[in-house]
Amino acid sequence: MPLSSKSLAIVYHSPYGHTAKVASFIAQGAEQAGIHVHCMNIEHVDWDILDQADAIVFGCPTYMGSLTAALKLFMEQSSKRWLARTWQGKIAAGFTNGGGLSGDKLAVLQQINLFAMQHGMLWTGLPMMPTGRSAQDLNRMSSFLGLMTQSDNAPVEITPPQGDLDTAIWFGEYIGLLLAKLK
């Protein structure tokens, strides 16, 4: 597929590497759709890239039923962009990873969604029907607001499971194809 002039930024917090791994699989899917992708940990934010991107995907682990303090700090640091409406009209999406099957991941996606709405962004969820509940199935947690993955408190080399990673690729490709459709 020819490369699009569209770009996607994926900004995430990943203290143990699991969320970064999911971000890389989202990026892989978007790149398959011909989208130029920038991945960045919030500890090394390039605000110019975020401002210029056509879409931004936000992600973090689910900690105690909430997003991480580091992602919240990033959100607060974006206040000048909120006031200037810099990100208004950009596509936005979210993802989260946690140790538990639920762990209240929905609360994290809702917080990210509200943040994007405050910026006037256009939210896209995960419009994929679940294919089952095993670790090999796509969208096994039946999430539609955004991507949910699980790591079982295991090393990043063996988790999240393949079904979650395949769902991340699908999610990235979906966002990429959506971006490619926009004029």
C-alpha atoms as a PDB file:
ATOM      1  CA  MET A   1       0.000   0.000   0.000  1.00  0.00           C
ATOM      2  CA  PRO A   2       1.411   3.455  -0.847  1.00  0.00           C
ATOM      3  CA  LEU A   3       2.432   5.629   2.064  1.00  0.00           C
ATOM      4  CA  SER A   4      -0.084   8.231   3.105  1.00  0.00           C
ATOM      5  CA  SER A   5       0.866  11.763   4.002  1.00  0.00           C
ATOM      6  CA  LYS A   6      -1.105  11.216   7.207  1.00  0.00           C
ATOM      7  CA  SER A   7       0.656  10.705  10.517  1.00  0.00           C
ATOM      8  CA  LEU A   8      -0.244   9.072  13.792  1.00  0.00           C
ATOM      9  CA  ALA A   9       1.397   9.734  17.150  1.00  0.00           C
ATOM     10  CA  ILE A  10       1.167   7.142  19.893  1.00  0.00           C
ATOM     11  CA  VAL A  11       1.981   8.584  23.293  1.00  0.00           C
ATOM     12  CA  TYR A  12       2.057   6.263  26.279  1.00  0.00           C
ATOM     13  CA  HIS A  13       3.341   5.617  29.794  1.00  0.00           C
ATOM     14  CA  SER A  14       5.001   2.228  30.250  1.00  0.00           C
ATOM     15  CA  PRO A  15       6.890   1.686  33.507  1.00  0.00           C
ATOM     16  CA  TYR A  16       7.514  -2.040  32.896  1.00  0.00           C
ATOM     17  CA  GLY A  17       7.438  -2.274  29.078  1.00  0.00           C
ATOM     18  CA  HIS A  18       4.054  -3.965  28.559  1.00  0.00           C
ATOM     19  CA  THR A  19       2.257  -0.807  27.439  1.00  0.00           C
ATOM     20  CA  ALA A  20       5.182   0.089  25.154  1.00  0.00           C
ATOM     21  CA  LYS A  21       4.902  -3.369  23.603  1.00  0.00           C
ATOM     22  CA  VAL A  22       1.194  -2.837  22.914  1.00  0.00           C
ATOM     23  CA  ALA A  23       1.974   0.607  21.445  1.00  0.00           C
ATOM     24  CA  SER A  24       4.483  -0.977  19.056  1.00  0.00           C
ATOM     25  CA  PHE A  25       1.846  -3.440  17.835  1.00  0.00           C
ATOM     26  CA  ILE A  26      -0.665  -0.608  17.299  1.00  0.00           C
ATOM     27  CA  ALA A  27       2.051   1.190  15.327  1.00  0.00           C
ATOM     28  CA  GLN A  28       2.675  -1.942  13.251  1.00  0.00           C
ATOM     29  CA  GLY A  29      -0.998  -2.047  12.250  1.00  0.00           C
ATOM     30  CA  ALA A  30      -1.108   1.639  11.327  1.00  0.00           C
ATOM     31  CA  GLU A  31       2.072   1.278   9.281  1.00  0.00           C
ATOM     32  CA  GLN A  32       0.468  -1.628   7.405  1.00  0.00           C
ATOM     33  CA  ALA A  33      -2.245   0.865   6.434  1.00  0.00           C
ATOM     34  CA  GLY A  34       0.422   3.204   5.036  1.00  0.00           C
ATOM     35  CA  ILE A  35       0.404   5.712   7.898  1.00  0.00           C
ATOM     36  CA  HIS A  36       3.580   7.327   9.225  1.00  0.00           C
ATOM     37  CA  VAL A  37       3.779   6.568  12.978  1.00  0.00           C
ATOM     38  CA  HIS A  38       5.649   8.242  15.831  1.00  0.00           C
ATOM     39  CA  CYS A  39       5.727   6.312  19.137  1.00  0.00           C
ATOM     40  CA  MET A  40       6.836   8.113  22.260  1.00  0.00           C
ATOM     41  CA  ASN A  41       6.937   7.433  25.948  1.00  0.00           C
ATOM     42  CA  ILE A  42       5.535  10.411  27.869  1.00  0.00           C
ATOM     43  CA  GLU A  43       8.891  10.752  29.577  1.00  0.00           C
ATOM     44  CA  HIS A  44      10.236  11.937  26.187  1.00  0.00           C
ATOM     45  CA  VAL A  45       7.310  13.858  24.696  1.00  0.00           C
ATOM     46  CA  ASP A  46       7.846  15.728  21.451  1.00  0.00           C
ATOM     47  CA  TRP A  47       5.024  18.266  21.595  1.00  0.00           C
ATOM     48  CA  ASP A  48       5.699  19.434  18.014  1.00  0.00           C
ATOM     49  CA  ILE A  49       5.087  15.915  16.680  1.00  0.00           C
ATOM     50  CA  LEU A  50       1.858  15.655  18.677  1.00  0.00           C
ATOM     51  CA  ASP A  51       0.725  19.054  17.378  1.00  0.00           C
ATOM     52  CA  GLN A  52       1.441  18.080  13.763  1.00  0.00           C
ATOM     53  CA  ALA A  53       0.008  14.551  13.877  1.00  0.00           C
ATOM     54  CA  ASP A  54      -3.357  13.864  12.256  1.00  0.00           C
ATOM     55  CA  ALA A  55      -4.242  11.440  15.053  1.00  0.00           C
ATOM     56  CA  ILE A  56      -3.052  10.746  18.575  1.00  0.00           C
ATOM     57  CA  VAL A  57      -3.475   7.464  20.437  1.00  0.00           C
ATOM     58  CA  PHE A  58      -3.027   7.701  24.214  1.00  0.00           C
ATOM     59  CA  GLY A  59      -2.162   4.729  26.428  1.00  0.00           C
ATOM     60  CA  CYS A  60      -1.114   3.715  29.908  1.00  0.00           C
ATOM     61  CA  PRO A  61      -1.389   0.845  32.354  1.00  0.00           C
ATOM     62  CA  THR A  62      -4.438   0.543  34.559  1.00  0.00           C
ATOM     63  CA  TYR A  63      -3.331   1.150  38.138  1.00  0.00           C
ATOM     64  CA  MET A  64      -5.862   0.786  40.943  1.00  0.00           C
ATOM     65  CA  GLY A  65      -8.755   1.320  38.506  1.00  0.00           C
ATOM     66  CA  SER A  66      -7.318   4.550  37.132  1.00  0.00           C
ATOM     67  CA  LEU A  67      -4.775   5.908  34.723  1.00  0.00           C
ATOM     68  CA  THR A  68      -1.228   6.456  35.918  1.00  0.00           C
ATOM     69  CA  ALA A  69      -0.108   9.652  37.647  1.00  0.00           C
ATOM     70  CA  ALA A  70       2.433  10.136  34.850  1.00  0.00           C
ATOM     71  CA  LEU A  71      -0.260  10.148  32.141  1.00  0.00           C
ATOM     72  CA  LYS A  72      -2.370  12.495  34.261  1.00  0.00           C
ATOM     73  CA  LEU A  73       0.619  14.857  34.506  1.00  0.00           C
ATOM     74  CA  PHE A  74       1.004  14.715  30.713  1.00  0.00           C
ATOM     75  CA  MET A  75      -2.685  15.598  30.385  1.00  0.00           C
ATOM     76  CA  GLU A  76      -2.262  18.590  32.666  1.00  0.00           C
ATOM     77  CA  GLN A  77       0.825  19.696  30.725  1.00  0.00           C
ATOM     78  CA  SER A  78      -1.305  19.837  27.572  1.00  0.00           C
ATOM     79  CA  SER A  79      -3.424  22.685  28.981  1.00  0.00           C
ATOM     80  CA  LYS A  80      -1.932  25.357  26.691  1.00  0.00           C
ATOM     81  CA  ARG A  81      -2.911  23.194  23.720  1.00  0.00           C
ATOM     82  CA  TRP A  82      -6.390  22.786  25.216  1.00  0.00           C
ATOM     83  CA  LEU A  83      -6.780  26.561  25.518  1.00  0.00           C
ATOM     84  CA  ALA A  84      -5.463  27.178  21.971  1.00  0.00           C
ATOM     85  CA  ARG A  85      -7.581  24.261  20.581  1.00  0.00           C
ATOM     86  CA  THR A  86      -4.380  22.917  18.953  1.00  0.00           C
ATOM     87  CA  TRP A  87      -5.634  19.312  18.830  1.00  0.00           C
ATOM     88  CA  GLN A  88      -9.228  20.099  17.914  1.00  0.00           C
ATOM     89  CA  GLY A  89     -10.445  17.936  15.028  1.00  0.00           C
ATOM     90  CA  LYS A  90      -7.656  15.348  15.326  1.00  0.00           C
ATOM     91  CA  ILE A  91      -8.583  11.676  15.569  1.00  0.00           C
ATOM     92  CA  ALA A  92      -8.060  10.297  19.082  1.00  0.00           C
ATOM     93  CA  ALA A  93      -8.085   6.793  20.527  1.00  0.00           C
ATOM     94  CA  GLY A  94      -6.982   5.076  23.708  1.00  0.00           C
ATOM     95  CA  PHE A  95      -5.582   1.837  25.068  1.00  0.00           C
ATOM     96  CA  THR A  96      -4.718   0.358  28.424  1.00  0.00           C
ATOM     97  CA  ASN A  97      -2.980  -2.725  29.769  1.00  0.00           C
ATOM     98  CA  GLY A  98      -3.343  -4.289  33.181  1.00  0.00           C
ATOM     99  CA  GLY A  99      -2.638  -7.385  35.194  1.00  0.00           C
ATOM    100  CA  GLY A 100      -6.262  -8.323  35.772  1.00  0.00           C
ATOM    101  CA  LEU A 101      -8.847  -9.288  33.183  1.00  0.00           C
ATOM    102  CA  SER A 102     -10.954  -6.329  34.263  1.00  0.00           C
ATOM    103  CA  GLY A 103      -9.015  -4.257  36.734  1.00  0.00           C
ATOM    104  CA  ASP A 104     -11.443  -1.469  35.853  1.00  0.00           C
ATOM    105  CA  LYS A 105      -9.763  -0.833  32.506  1.00  0.00           C
ATOM    106  CA  LEU A 106     -12.985   0.784  31.267  1.00  0.00           C
ATOM    107  CA  ALA A 107     -12.462   3.613  33.783  1.00  0.00           C
ATOM    108  CA  VAL A 108      -9.066   4.348  32.214  1.00  0.00           C
ATOM    109  CA  LEU A 109     -10.483   4.433  28.689  1.00  0.00           C
ATOM    110  CA  GLN A 110     -13.261   6.731  29.899  1.00  0.00           C
ATOM    111  CA  GLN A 111     -10.699   9.082  31.444  1.00  0.00           C
ATOM    112  CA  ILE A 112      -8.661   9.155  28.235  1.00  0.00           C
ATOM    113  CA  ASN A 113     -11.845   9.647  26.202  1.00  0.00           C
ATOM    114  CA  LEU A 114     -12.930  12.596  28.354  1.00  0.00           C
ATOM    115  CA  PHE A 115      -9.472  14.141  27.998  1.00  0.00           C
ATOM    116  CA  ALA A 116      -9.699  13.850  24.197  1.00  0.00           C
ATOM    117  CA  MET A 117     -13.205  15.321  24.217  1.00  0.00           C
ATOM    118  CA  GLN A 118     -11.964  18.261  26.303  1.00  0.00           C
ATOM    119  CA  HIS A 119      -9.470  18.923  23.502  1.00  0.00           C
ATOM    120  CA  GLY A 120     -12.212  18.767  20.849  1.00  0.00           C
ATOM    121  CA  MET A 121     -10.758  15.631  19.305  1.00  0.00           C
ATOM    122  CA  LEU A 122     -12.743  13.058  17.299  1.00  0.00           C
ATOM    123  CA  TRP A 123     -12.841   9.759  19.203  1.00  0.00           C
ATOM    124  CA  THR A 124     -12.633   6.389  17.568  1.00  0.00           C
ATOM    125  CA  GLY A 125     -13.159   3.227  19.537  1.00  0.00           C
ATOM    126  CA  LEU A 126     -12.516  -0.429  18.750  1.00  0.00           C
ATOM    127  CA  PRO A 127     -15.400  -1.503  16.473  1.00  0.00           C
ATOM    128  CA  MET A 128     -14.532  -5.191  16.570  1.00  0.00           C
ATOM    129  CA  MET A 129     -16.815  -7.936  17.764  1.00  0.00           C
ATOM    130  CA  PRO A 130     -15.096 -10.277  20.221  1.00  0.00           C
ATOM    131  CA  THR A 131     -14.108 -13.636  18.746  1.00  0.00           C
ATOM    132  CA  GLY A 132     -13.989 -15.487  22.071  1.00  0.00           C
ATOM    133  CA  ARG A 133     -12.454 -15.371  25.530  1.00  0.00           C
ATOM    134  CA  SER A 134      -9.197 -17.297  25.215  1.00  0.00           C
ATOM    135  CA  ALA A 135      -5.806 -15.589  25.197  1.00  0.00           C
ATOM    136  CA  GLN A 136      -5.610 -16.214  21.431  1.00  0.00           C
ATOM    137  CA  ASP A 137      -8.928 -14.531  20.600  1.00  0.00           C
ATOM    138  CA  LEU A 138      -9.370 -11.016  19.251  1.00  0.00           C
ATOM    139  CA  ASN A 139     -10.977  -8.410  21.512  1.00  0.00           C
ATOM    140  CA  ARG A 140     -11.422 -11.088  24.174  1.00  0.00           C
ATOM    141  CA  MET A 141     -12.380  -8.459  26.761  1.00  0.00           C
ATOM    142  CA  SER A 142     -15.235  -7.170  24.576  1.00  0.00           C
ATOM    143  CA  SER A 143     -13.995  -3.589  24.693  1.00  0.00           C
ATOM    144  CA  PHE A 144     -15.501  -1.090  22.288  1.00  0.00           C
ATOM    145  CA  LEU A 145     -14.388   2.280  23.736  1.00  0.00           C
ATOM    146  CA  GLY A 146     -10.735   1.456  23.061  1.00  0.00           C
ATOM    147  CA  LEU A 147      -8.156  -1.308  23.264  1.00  0.00           C
ATOM    148  CA  MET A 148      -7.782  -3.361  26.447  1.00  0.00           C
ATOM    149  CA  THR A 149      -4.927  -5.817  26.932  1.00  0.00           C
ATOM    150  CA  GLN A 150      -3.816  -7.956  29.870  1.00  0.00           C
ATOM    151  CA  SER A 151      -0.351  -8.917  31.090  1.00  0.00           C
ATOM    152  CA  ASP A 152      -0.901 -11.311  34.018  1.00  0.00           C
ATOM    153  CA  ASN A 153       1.981  -9.651  35.931  1.00  0.00           C
ATOM    154  CA  ALA A 154       4.363 -11.688  33.773  1.00  0.00           C
ATOM    155  CA  PRO A 155       7.531 -10.599  31.943  1.00  0.00           C
ATOM    156  CA  VAL A 156       7.078  -8.444  28.840  1.00  0.00           C
ATOM    157  CA  GLU A 157       8.697 -11.145  26.686  1.00  0.00           C
ATOM    158  CA  ILE A 158       5.721 -13.482  27.189  1.00  0.00           C
ATOM    159  CA  THR A 159       2.787 -11.142  27.719  1.00  0.00           C
ATOM    160  CA  PRO A 160       0.326  -9.702  26.698  1.00  0.00           C
ATOM    161  CA  PRO A 161      -0.923 -12.834  24.928  1.00  0.00           C
ATOM    162  CA  GLN A 162      -0.974 -13.152  21.142  1.00  0.00           C
ATOM    163  CA  GLY A 163      -4.705 -12.460  20.813  1.00  0.00           C
ATOM    164  CA  ASP A 164      -4.298  -9.103  22.559  1.00  0.00           C
ATOM    165  CA  LEU A 165      -1.317  -8.228  20.363  1.00  0.00           C
ATOM    166  CA  ASP A 166      -3.221  -9.230  17.224  1.00  0.00           C
ATOM    167  CA  THR A 167      -6.085  -7.018  18.400  1.00  0.00           C
ATOM    168  CA  ALA A 168      -3.588  -4.160  18.823  1.00  0.00           C
ATOM    169  CA  ILE A 169      -2.431  -4.636  15.220  1.00  0.00           C
ATOM    170  CA  TRP A 170      -6.061  -4.642  14.047  1.00  0.00           C
ATOM    171  CA  PHE A 171      -6.762  -1.480  16.075  1.00  0.00           C
ATOM    172  CA  GLY A 172      -3.760   0.319  14.585  1.00  0.00           C
ATOM    173  CA  GLU A 173      -4.712  -0.708  11.068  1.00  0.00           C
ATOM    174  CA  TYR A 174      -8.291   0.421  11.657  1.00  0.00           C
ATOM    175  CA  ILE A 175      -7.114   3.855  12.831  1.00  0.00           C
ATOM    176  CA  GLY A 176      -4.719   4.039   9.881  1.00  0.00           C
ATOM    177  CA  LEU A 177      -7.436   3.189   7.354  1.00  0.00           C
ATOM    178  CA  LEU A 178      -9.755   5.711   9.006  1.00  0.00           C
ATOM    179  CA  LEU A 179      -7.064   8.383   8.715  1.00  0.00           C
ATOM    180  CA  ALA A 180      -6.395   7.500   5.085  1.00  0.00           C
ATOM    181  CA  LYS A 181     -10.094   8.104   4.296  1.00  0.00           C
ATOM    182  CA  LEU A 182      -9.967  11.660   5.639  1.00  0.00           C
ATOM    183  CA  LYS A 183      -9.293  14.393   3.132  1.00  0.00           C
END
